[in-house]
């Protein structure tokens, strides 16, 4: 936008000042849009979702890092999809870049509840990884209940998805001495599962879930300077950005007075 010399000559100093001030406000507002857009949101259960995550449909993709998109469950929990399998997020620990998740298939409350087979846990190689020092389990399907009475009856955690009480789902630690005999009684296959610990039993441990660590540019410096973190997905930039009240910055907000 430019004024011709003739237009400038027709305006008094006060009009020019008002014009440039209005242009300044317009430019400032456009620079602030991303700062305003990247305020924390929630799926409804009280957890604030912010960088590196963003909720699809509630937050813009530039508010989070690529690969960290979430959806919301009908119960108000954020959902993270890993290799086509959805996981319920119970808690996000931004300070140490970790989160607790569980497979919603394992949310059934008691022995009479039935579940369908799920997939092995796969988290990829770059964005997420399983936190160390957790327990590895086998979840076995299609287990003969009569045979289990002689081997591992206390390991029965659910019934089969078909609702057939003669077929059970069994969970055992990978080091369990009864694993071999249990696998002989279970013809529906087995999947690997990770849990944080076995307090309260296998079923409760699967419901609590496990810890994941994530790999993303740290937000601490930007956040402490009053900014909101994001990621500019423009192919010409494609990098972390600190969205500040004045404009986007590379690392943190700067106070120029």
C-alpha atoms as a PDB file:
ATOM      1  CA  UNK A   1       0.000   0.000   0.000  1.00  0.00           C
ATOM      2  CA  UNK A   2       1.468   3.347  -1.104  1.00  0.00           C
ATOM      3  CA  UNK A   3       0.225   6.918  -1.310  1.00  0.00           C
ATOM      4  CA  UNK A   4       1.081   9.019  -4.316  1.00  0.00           C
ATOM      5  CA  UNK A   5       2.809  12.384  -3.696  1.00  0.00           C
ATOM      6  CA  UNK A   6      -0.441  14.109  -4.673  1.00  0.00           C
ATOM      7  CA  UNK A   7      -2.459  12.079  -2.127  1.00  0.00           C
ATOM      8  CA  UNK A   8       0.070  12.838   0.593  1.00  0.00           C
ATOM      9  CA  UNK A   9      -0.099  16.549  -0.187  1.00  0.00           C
ATOM     10  CA  UNK A  10      -3.880  16.496   0.233  1.00  0.00           C
ATOM     11  CA  UNK A  11      -3.672  15.047   3.799  1.00  0.00           C
ATOM     12  CA  UNK A  12      -2.792  16.991   6.914  1.00  0.00           C
ATOM     13  CA  UNK A  13      -0.298  15.564   9.482  1.00  0.00           C
ATOM     14  CA  UNK A  14      -3.067  14.325  11.779  1.00  0.00           C
ATOM     15  CA  UNK A  15      -4.713  12.353   8.969  1.00  0.00           C
ATOM     16  CA  UNK A  16      -1.378  10.831   7.980  1.00  0.00           C
ATOM     17  CA  UNK A  17      -0.726   9.832  11.583  1.00  0.00           C
ATOM     18  CA  UNK A  18      -4.138   8.163  11.857  1.00  0.00           C
ATOM     19  CA  UNK A  19      -3.598   6.366   8.565  1.00  0.00           C
ATOM     20  CA  UNK A  20      -0.222   4.926   9.543  1.00  0.00           C
ATOM     21  CA  UNK A  21      -1.511   4.008  13.005  1.00  0.00           C
ATOM     22  CA  UNK A  22      -4.410   2.044  11.477  1.00  0.00           C
ATOM     23  CA  UNK A  23      -1.955   0.283   9.143  1.00  0.00           C
ATOM     24  CA  UNK A  24       0.231  -0.566  12.141  1.00  0.00           C
ATOM     25  CA  UNK A  25      -2.746  -2.089  13.972  1.00  0.00           C
ATOM     26  CA  UNK A  26      -3.686  -4.140  10.908  1.00  0.00           C
ATOM     27  CA  UNK A  27      -0.162  -5.523  10.499  1.00  0.00           C
ATOM     28  CA  UNK A  28       0.184  -6.224  14.234  1.00  0.00           C
ATOM     29  CA  UNK A  29      -3.133  -8.083  14.325  1.00  0.00           C
ATOM     30  CA  UNK A  30      -2.097 -10.309  11.426  1.00  0.00           C
ATOM     31  CA  UNK A  31       1.182 -11.140  13.183  1.00  0.00           C
ATOM     32  CA  UNK A  32      -0.642 -11.891  16.432  1.00  0.00           C
ATOM     33  CA  UNK A  33      -3.149 -14.315  14.914  1.00  0.00           C
ATOM     34  CA  UNK A  34      -0.975 -17.366  15.532  1.00  0.00           C
ATOM     35  CA  UNK A  35      -0.242 -16.340  19.105  1.00  0.00           C
ATOM     36  CA  UNK A  36      -3.994 -16.044  19.732  1.00  0.00           C
ATOM     37  CA  UNK A  37      -4.811 -19.271  17.855  1.00  0.00           C
ATOM     38  CA  UNK A  38      -2.354 -21.397  19.844  1.00  0.00           C
ATOM     39  CA  UNK A  39      -3.964 -20.986  23.241  1.00  0.00           C
ATOM     40  CA  UNK A  40      -4.310 -24.324  25.077  1.00  0.00           C
ATOM     41  CA  UNK A  41      -7.527 -26.310  24.458  1.00  0.00           C
ATOM     42  CA  UNK A  42      -9.159 -29.332  26.082  1.00  0.00           C
ATOM     43  CA  UNK A  43     -11.181 -32.324  24.943  1.00  0.00           C
ATOM     44  CA  UNK A  44     -13.390 -31.925  28.010  1.00  0.00           C
ATOM     45  CA  UNK A  45     -11.688 -33.963  30.730  1.00  0.00           C
ATOM     46  CA  UNK A  46      -9.627 -31.033  32.002  1.00  0.00           C
ATOM     47  CA  UNK A  47      -6.273 -31.745  30.359  1.00  0.00           C
ATOM     48  CA  UNK A  48      -4.850 -28.717  28.594  1.00  0.00           C
ATOM     49  CA  UNK A  49      -3.531 -29.602  25.167  1.00  0.00           C
ATOM     50  CA  UNK A  50      -0.700 -27.503  23.766  1.00  0.00           C
ATOM     51  CA  UNK A  51       2.525 -27.886  21.757  1.00  0.00           C
ATOM     52  CA  UNK A  52       3.777 -30.290  20.544  1.00  0.00           C
ATOM     53  CA  UNK A  53       0.223 -31.652  20.454  1.00  0.00           C
ATOM     54  CA  UNK A  54      -2.802 -30.077  18.839  1.00  0.00           C
ATOM     55  CA  UNK A  55      -6.451 -31.170  18.647  1.00  0.00           C
ATOM     56  CA  UNK A  56      -7.721 -31.596  15.109  1.00  0.00           C
ATOM     57  CA  UNK A  57     -10.719 -29.349  14.536  1.00  0.00           C
ATOM     58  CA  UNK A  58     -10.056 -27.292  17.688  1.00  0.00           C
ATOM     59  CA  UNK A  59      -6.517 -26.066  17.091  1.00  0.00           C
ATOM     60  CA  UNK A  60      -4.603 -25.182  13.956  1.00  0.00           C
ATOM     61  CA  UNK A  61      -1.903 -27.570  12.697  1.00  0.00           C
ATOM     62  CA  UNK A  62       0.718 -24.824  13.140  1.00  0.00           C
ATOM     63  CA  UNK A  63       0.073 -24.964  16.924  1.00  0.00           C
ATOM     64  CA  UNK A  64       1.684 -28.396  17.149  1.00  0.00           C
ATOM     65  CA  UNK A  65       4.413 -30.402  15.544  1.00  0.00           C
ATOM     66  CA  UNK A  66       3.651 -32.684  12.567  1.00  0.00           C
ATOM     67  CA  UNK A  67       2.726 -36.167  13.762  1.00  0.00           C
ATOM     68  CA  UNK A  68       1.372 -34.953  17.120  1.00  0.00           C
ATOM     69  CA  UNK A  69      -2.253 -34.463  16.084  1.00  0.00           C
ATOM     70  CA  UNK A  70      -4.932 -35.665  18.529  1.00  0.00           C
ATOM     71  CA  UNK A  71      -8.658 -36.298  18.358  1.00  0.00           C
ATOM     72  CA  UNK A  72     -11.237 -36.328  21.168  1.00  0.00           C
ATOM     73  CA  UNK A  73     -13.171 -39.367  22.374  1.00  0.00           C
ATOM     74  CA  UNK A  74     -16.863 -39.196  23.208  1.00  0.00           C
ATOM     75  CA  UNK A  75     -15.822 -39.426  26.884  1.00  0.00           C
ATOM     76  CA  UNK A  76     -13.731 -36.249  26.616  1.00  0.00           C
ATOM     77  CA  UNK A  77     -10.292 -37.868  26.544  1.00  0.00           C
ATOM     78  CA  UNK A  78      -7.645 -36.973  23.969  1.00  0.00           C
ATOM     79  CA  UNK A  79      -6.782 -39.796  21.579  1.00  0.00           C
ATOM     80  CA  UNK A  80      -3.352 -40.409  20.067  1.00  0.00           C
ATOM     81  CA  UNK A  81      -3.234 -42.737  17.043  1.00  0.00           C
ATOM     82  CA  UNK A  82      -0.079 -44.821  16.697  1.00  0.00           C
ATOM     83  CA  UNK A  83       0.266 -46.896  13.530  1.00  0.00           C
ATOM     84  CA  UNK A  84      -3.538 -46.904  12.985  1.00  0.00           C
ATOM     85  CA  UNK A  85      -4.303 -47.914  16.589  1.00  0.00           C
ATOM     86  CA  UNK A  86      -5.968 -45.319  18.875  1.00  0.00           C
ATOM     87  CA  UNK A  87      -4.679 -44.861  22.434  1.00  0.00           C
ATOM     88  CA  UNK A  88      -6.420 -42.965  25.205  1.00  0.00           C
ATOM     89  CA  UNK A  89      -4.254 -40.269  26.798  1.00  0.00           C
ATOM     90  CA  UNK A  90      -4.697 -40.232  30.576  1.00  0.00           C
ATOM     91  CA  UNK A  91      -2.094 -37.598  31.421  1.00  0.00           C
ATOM     92  CA  UNK A  92       0.520 -35.501  29.650  1.00  0.00           C
ATOM     93  CA  UNK A  93       3.696 -34.553  31.509  1.00  0.00           C
ATOM     94  CA  UNK A  94       5.062 -31.576  29.590  1.00  0.00           C
ATOM     95  CA  UNK A  95       8.030 -31.035  31.927  1.00  0.00           C
ATOM     96  CA  UNK A  96       9.723 -34.319  31.048  1.00  0.00           C
ATOM     97  CA  UNK A  97       8.133 -34.868  27.627  1.00  0.00           C
ATOM     98  CA  UNK A  98       6.163 -38.004  28.504  1.00  0.00           C
ATOM     99  CA  UNK A  99       2.543 -39.146  28.607  1.00  0.00           C
ATOM    100  CA  UNK A 100       0.528 -42.037  29.986  1.00  0.00           C
ATOM    101  CA  UNK A 101      -1.663 -43.863  27.474  1.00  0.00           C
ATOM    102  CA  UNK A 102      -3.702 -47.054  27.308  1.00  0.00           C
ATOM    103  CA  UNK A 103      -5.387 -49.067  24.605  1.00  0.00           C
ATOM    104  CA  UNK A 104      -9.159 -48.402  24.968  1.00  0.00           C
ATOM    105  CA  UNK A 105      -9.790 -52.071  24.184  1.00  0.00           C
ATOM    106  CA  UNK A 106      -8.484 -52.800  27.686  1.00  0.00           C
ATOM    107  CA  UNK A 107     -10.857 -50.364  29.417  1.00  0.00           C
ATOM    108  CA  UNK A 108     -13.498 -53.036  30.108  1.00  0.00           C
ATOM    109  CA  UNK A 109     -14.186 -53.011  33.859  1.00  0.00           C
ATOM    110  CA  UNK A 110     -14.484 -56.651  34.947  1.00  0.00           C
ATOM    111  CA  UNK A 111     -14.147 -60.359  34.157  1.00  0.00           C
ATOM    112  CA  UNK A 112     -17.601 -60.586  32.584  1.00  0.00           C
ATOM    113  CA  UNK A 113     -16.741 -57.882  30.054  1.00  0.00           C
ATOM    114  CA  UNK A 114     -15.615 -59.106  26.655  1.00  0.00           C
ATOM    115  CA  UNK A 115     -12.937 -57.686  24.392  1.00  0.00           C
ATOM    116  CA  UNK A 116     -11.859 -58.177  20.789  1.00  0.00           C
ATOM    117  CA  UNK A 117      -8.282 -58.917  19.765  1.00  0.00           C
ATOM    118  CA  UNK A 118      -6.095 -55.865  19.325  1.00  0.00           C
ATOM    119  CA  UNK A 119      -2.801 -55.153  17.568  1.00  0.00           C
ATOM    120  CA  UNK A 120       0.733 -55.341  18.913  1.00  0.00           C
ATOM    121  CA  UNK A 121       2.016 -52.063  20.284  1.00  0.00           C
ATOM    122  CA  UNK A 122       3.901 -50.199  17.541  1.00  0.00           C
ATOM    123  CA  UNK A 123       5.103 -46.652  18.153  1.00  0.00           C
ATOM    124  CA  UNK A 124       7.367 -46.009  15.185  1.00  0.00           C
ATOM    125  CA  UNK A 125      10.958 -44.833  15.552  1.00  0.00           C
ATOM    126  CA  UNK A 126      11.164 -41.057  15.640  1.00  0.00           C
ATOM    127  CA  UNK A 127       8.393 -39.133  17.408  1.00  0.00           C
ATOM    128  CA  UNK A 128       7.527 -41.556  20.224  1.00  0.00           C
ATOM    129  CA  UNK A 129       9.215 -44.365  22.107  1.00  0.00           C
ATOM    130  CA  UNK A 130       8.238 -46.560  25.037  1.00  0.00           C
ATOM    131  CA  UNK A 131       9.727 -45.356  28.324  1.00  0.00           C
ATOM    132  CA  UNK A 132      12.300 -47.756  29.831  1.00  0.00           C
ATOM    133  CA  UNK A 133      11.893 -49.938  32.928  1.00  0.00           C
ATOM    134  CA  UNK A 134       8.298 -51.015  32.267  1.00  0.00           C
ATOM    135  CA  UNK A 135       6.757 -54.503  32.193  1.00  0.00           C
ATOM    136  CA  UNK A 136       6.124 -56.542  29.048  1.00  0.00           C
ATOM    137  CA  UNK A 137       3.047 -58.786  28.921  1.00  0.00           C
ATOM    138  CA  UNK A 138       1.427 -61.318  26.650  1.00  0.00           C
ATOM    139  CA  UNK A 139      -2.335 -61.034  26.145  1.00  0.00           C
ATOM    140  CA  UNK A 140      -3.675 -64.367  24.872  1.00  0.00           C
ATOM    141  CA  UNK A 141      -7.067 -64.833  23.206  1.00  0.00           C
ATOM    142  CA  UNK A 142      -9.371 -67.799  22.671  1.00  0.00           C
ATOM    143  CA  UNK A 143      -8.256 -69.562  25.829  1.00  0.00           C
ATOM    144  CA  UNK A 144     -10.132 -72.698  26.888  1.00  0.00           C
ATOM    145  CA  UNK A 145     -11.659 -71.897  30.268  1.00  0.00           C
ATOM    146  CA  UNK A 146     -11.823 -75.552  31.395  1.00  0.00           C
ATOM    147  CA  UNK A 147      -8.148 -76.053  30.630  1.00  0.00           C
ATOM    148  CA  UNK A 148      -7.264 -72.819  32.405  1.00  0.00           C
ATOM    149  CA  UNK A 149      -8.785 -74.106  35.636  1.00  0.00           C
ATOM    150  CA  UNK A 150      -5.868 -76.519  35.819  1.00  0.00           C
ATOM    151  CA  UNK A 151      -3.173 -74.019  34.826  1.00  0.00           C
ATOM    152  CA  UNK A 152      -3.640 -70.267  35.283  1.00  0.00           C
ATOM    153  CA  UNK A 153      -7.253 -69.511  36.330  1.00  0.00           C
ATOM    154  CA  UNK A 154      -6.220 -66.398  38.264  1.00  0.00           C
ATOM    155  CA  UNK A 155      -4.694 -64.881  35.092  1.00  0.00           C
ATOM    156  CA  UNK A 156      -8.067 -64.685  33.310  1.00  0.00           C
ATOM    157  CA  UNK A 157      -8.758 -60.999  32.721  1.00  0.00           C
ATOM    158  CA  UNK A 158     -11.745 -60.860  30.334  1.00  0.00           C
ATOM    159  CA  UNK A 159     -14.002 -63.054  28.232  1.00  0.00           C
ATOM    160  CA  UNK A 160     -13.882 -63.274  24.445  1.00  0.00           C
ATOM    161  CA  UNK A 161     -15.587 -60.653  22.279  1.00  0.00           C
ATOM    162  CA  UNK A 162     -18.113 -63.258  21.160  1.00  0.00           C
ATOM    163  CA  UNK A 163     -19.434 -63.443  24.718  1.00  0.00           C
ATOM    164  CA  UNK A 164     -18.724 -67.167  24.959  1.00  0.00           C
ATOM    165  CA  UNK A 165     -17.985 -67.869  28.605  1.00  0.00           C
ATOM    166  CA  UNK A 166     -16.027 -70.997  27.655  1.00  0.00           C
ATOM    167  CA  UNK A 167     -13.441 -68.810  25.909  1.00  0.00           C
ATOM    168  CA  UNK A 168     -11.299 -66.380  27.874  1.00  0.00           C
ATOM    169  CA  UNK A 169      -8.640 -63.704  27.511  1.00  0.00           C
ATOM    170  CA  UNK A 170      -5.550 -64.216  29.647  1.00  0.00           C
ATOM    171  CA  UNK A 171      -2.713 -61.845  30.540  1.00  0.00           C
ATOM    172  CA  UNK A 172       0.688 -63.012  31.696  1.00  0.00           C
ATOM    173  CA  UNK A 173       4.057 -61.447  32.306  1.00  0.00           C
ATOM    174  CA  UNK A 174       6.625 -62.496  29.690  1.00  0.00           C
ATOM    175  CA  UNK A 175       8.655 -64.125  32.445  1.00  0.00           C
ATOM    176  CA  UNK A 176       5.713 -66.085  33.882  1.00  0.00           C
ATOM    177  CA  UNK A 177       6.588 -69.766  34.365  1.00  0.00           C
ATOM    178  CA  UNK A 178       3.055 -70.765  33.278  1.00  0.00           C
ATOM    179  CA  UNK A 179       3.274 -68.996  29.922  1.00  0.00           C
ATOM    180  CA  UNK A 180       4.030 -72.160  27.925  1.00  0.00           C
ATOM    181  CA  UNK A 181       1.061 -74.113  29.328  1.00  0.00           C
ATOM    182  CA  UNK A 182      -1.239 -71.108  28.883  1.00  0.00           C
ATOM    183  CA  UNK A 183      -0.296 -70.734  25.213  1.00  0.00           C
ATOM    184  CA  UNK A 184      -1.215 -74.389  24.660  1.00  0.00           C
ATOM    185  CA  UNK A 185      -4.725 -73.628  25.915  1.00  0.00           C
ATOM    186  CA  UNK A 186      -5.187 -70.383  23.926  1.00  0.00           C
ATOM    187  CA  UNK A 187      -5.885 -70.733  20.207  1.00  0.00           C
ATOM    188  CA  UNK A 188      -6.925 -67.151  19.399  1.00  0.00           C
ATOM    189  CA  UNK A 189      -3.460 -65.677  19.083  1.00  0.00           C
ATOM    190  CA  UNK A 190      -1.411 -63.398  21.325  1.00  0.00           C
ATOM    191  CA  UNK A 191      -0.281 -59.767  21.305  1.00  0.00           C
ATOM    192  CA  UNK A 192       2.442 -57.906  23.143  1.00  0.00           C
ATOM    193  CA  UNK A 193       1.409 -55.258  25.661  1.00  0.00           C
ATOM    194  CA  UNK A 194       3.370 -52.851  27.860  1.00  0.00           C
ATOM    195  CA  UNK A 195       2.353 -51.693  31.342  1.00  0.00           C
ATOM    196  CA  UNK A 196       3.968 -49.344  33.821  1.00  0.00           C
ATOM    197  CA  UNK A 197       3.747 -51.870  36.668  1.00  0.00           C
ATOM    198  CA  UNK A 198       1.618 -54.800  37.846  1.00  0.00           C
ATOM    199  CA  UNK A 199       0.152 -53.228  40.975  1.00  0.00           C
ATOM    200  CA  UNK A 200      -3.390 -54.482  41.490  1.00  0.00           C
ATOM    201  CA  UNK A 201      -3.114 -57.204  38.858  1.00  0.00           C
ATOM    202  CA  UNK A 202      -2.756 -57.559  35.105  1.00  0.00           C
ATOM    203  CA  UNK A 203      -6.214 -56.261  34.184  1.00  0.00           C
ATOM    204  CA  UNK A 204      -5.797 -53.103  36.273  1.00  0.00           C
ATOM    205  CA  UNK A 205      -2.295 -52.589  34.857  1.00  0.00           C
ATOM    206  CA  UNK A 206      -3.590 -52.765  31.261  1.00  0.00           C
ATOM    207  CA  UNK A 207      -6.309 -50.271  32.124  1.00  0.00           C
ATOM    208  CA  UNK A 208      -3.777 -47.841  33.637  1.00  0.00           C
ATOM    209  CA  UNK A 209      -1.568 -48.162  30.579  1.00  0.00           C
ATOM    210  CA  UNK A 210       2.068 -47.246  30.098  1.00  0.00           C
ATOM    211  CA  UNK A 211       4.414 -44.331  29.570  1.00  0.00           C
ATOM    212  CA  UNK A 212       5.585 -42.956  26.257  1.00  0.00           C
ATOM    213  CA  UNK A 213       8.375 -40.464  25.683  1.00  0.00           C
ATOM    214  CA  UNK A 214       8.227 -38.013  22.800  1.00  0.00           C
ATOM    215  CA  UNK A 215      10.875 -36.278  20.744  1.00  0.00           C
ATOM    216  CA  UNK A 216      10.164 -32.658  19.767  1.00  0.00           C
ATOM    217  CA  UNK A 217      11.816 -29.252  20.013  1.00  0.00           C
ATOM    218  CA  UNK A 218      11.629 -28.038  23.614  1.00  0.00           C
ATOM    219  CA  UNK A 219       9.038 -25.356  24.352  1.00  0.00           C
ATOM    220  CA  UNK A 220      10.479 -24.225  27.705  1.00  0.00           C
ATOM    221  CA  UNK A 221      12.496 -21.231  26.501  1.00  0.00           C
ATOM    222  CA  UNK A 222       9.655 -19.896  24.353  1.00  0.00           C
ATOM    223  CA  UNK A 223       7.069 -20.448  27.082  1.00  0.00           C
ATOM    224  CA  UNK A 224       9.158 -18.762  29.768  1.00  0.00           C
ATOM    225  CA  UNK A 225       9.522 -15.699  27.517  1.00  0.00           C
ATOM    226  CA  UNK A 226       5.736 -15.333  27.226  1.00  0.00           C
ATOM    227  CA  UNK A 227       5.332 -17.051  23.866  1.00  0.00           C
ATOM    228  CA  UNK A 228       3.309 -19.996  22.613  1.00  0.00           C
ATOM    229  CA  UNK A 229       5.096 -22.755  20.758  1.00  0.00           C
ATOM    230  CA  UNK A 230       4.210 -24.001  17.326  1.00  0.00           C
ATOM    231  CA  UNK A 231       5.588 -25.285  14.072  1.00  0.00           C
ATOM    232  CA  UNK A 232       5.426 -23.423  10.777  1.00  0.00           C
ATOM    233  CA  UNK A 233       4.423 -26.087   8.250  1.00  0.00           C
ATOM    234  CA  UNK A 234       5.041 -23.815   5.258  1.00  0.00           C
ATOM    235  CA  UNK A 235       7.504 -25.822   3.088  1.00  0.00           C
ATOM    236  CA  UNK A 236       9.675 -22.701   2.792  1.00  0.00           C
ATOM    237  CA  UNK A 237      10.065 -22.614   6.590  1.00  0.00           C
ATOM    238  CA  UNK A 238       9.074 -26.001   8.085  1.00  0.00           C
ATOM    239  CA  UNK A 239      10.594 -25.332  11.481  1.00  0.00           C
ATOM    240  CA  UNK A 240       9.775 -24.661  15.138  1.00  0.00           C
ATOM    241  CA  UNK A 241       8.415 -21.194  15.856  1.00  0.00           C
ATOM    242  CA  UNK A 242       7.773 -19.229  19.030  1.00  0.00           C
ATOM    243  CA  UNK A 243       4.575 -17.234  18.488  1.00  0.00           C
ATOM    244  CA  UNK A 244       4.775 -14.021  20.490  1.00  0.00           C
ATOM    245  CA  UNK A 245       2.441 -11.037  21.028  1.00  0.00           C
ATOM    246  CA  UNK A 246       4.452  -8.984  18.527  1.00  0.00           C
ATOM    247  CA  UNK A 247       5.382 -11.582  15.895  1.00  0.00           C
ATOM    248  CA  UNK A 248       6.774 -15.106  15.436  1.00  0.00           C
ATOM    249  CA  UNK A 249      10.343 -15.721  16.587  1.00  0.00           C
ATOM    250  CA  UNK A 250      12.738 -18.594  16.004  1.00  0.00           C
ATOM    251  CA  UNK A 251      13.357 -19.509  19.656  1.00  0.00           C
ATOM    252  CA  UNK A 252      11.829 -17.089  22.184  1.00  0.00           C
ATOM    253  CA  UNK A 253      10.105 -13.734  22.488  1.00  0.00           C
ATOM    254  CA  UNK A 254      12.322 -10.656  22.657  1.00  0.00           C
ATOM    255  CA  UNK A 255      11.379  -7.584  24.621  1.00  0.00           C
ATOM    256  CA  UNK A 256      12.296  -4.525  22.584  1.00  0.00           C
ATOM    257  CA  UNK A 257      10.377  -2.065  24.771  1.00  0.00           C
END
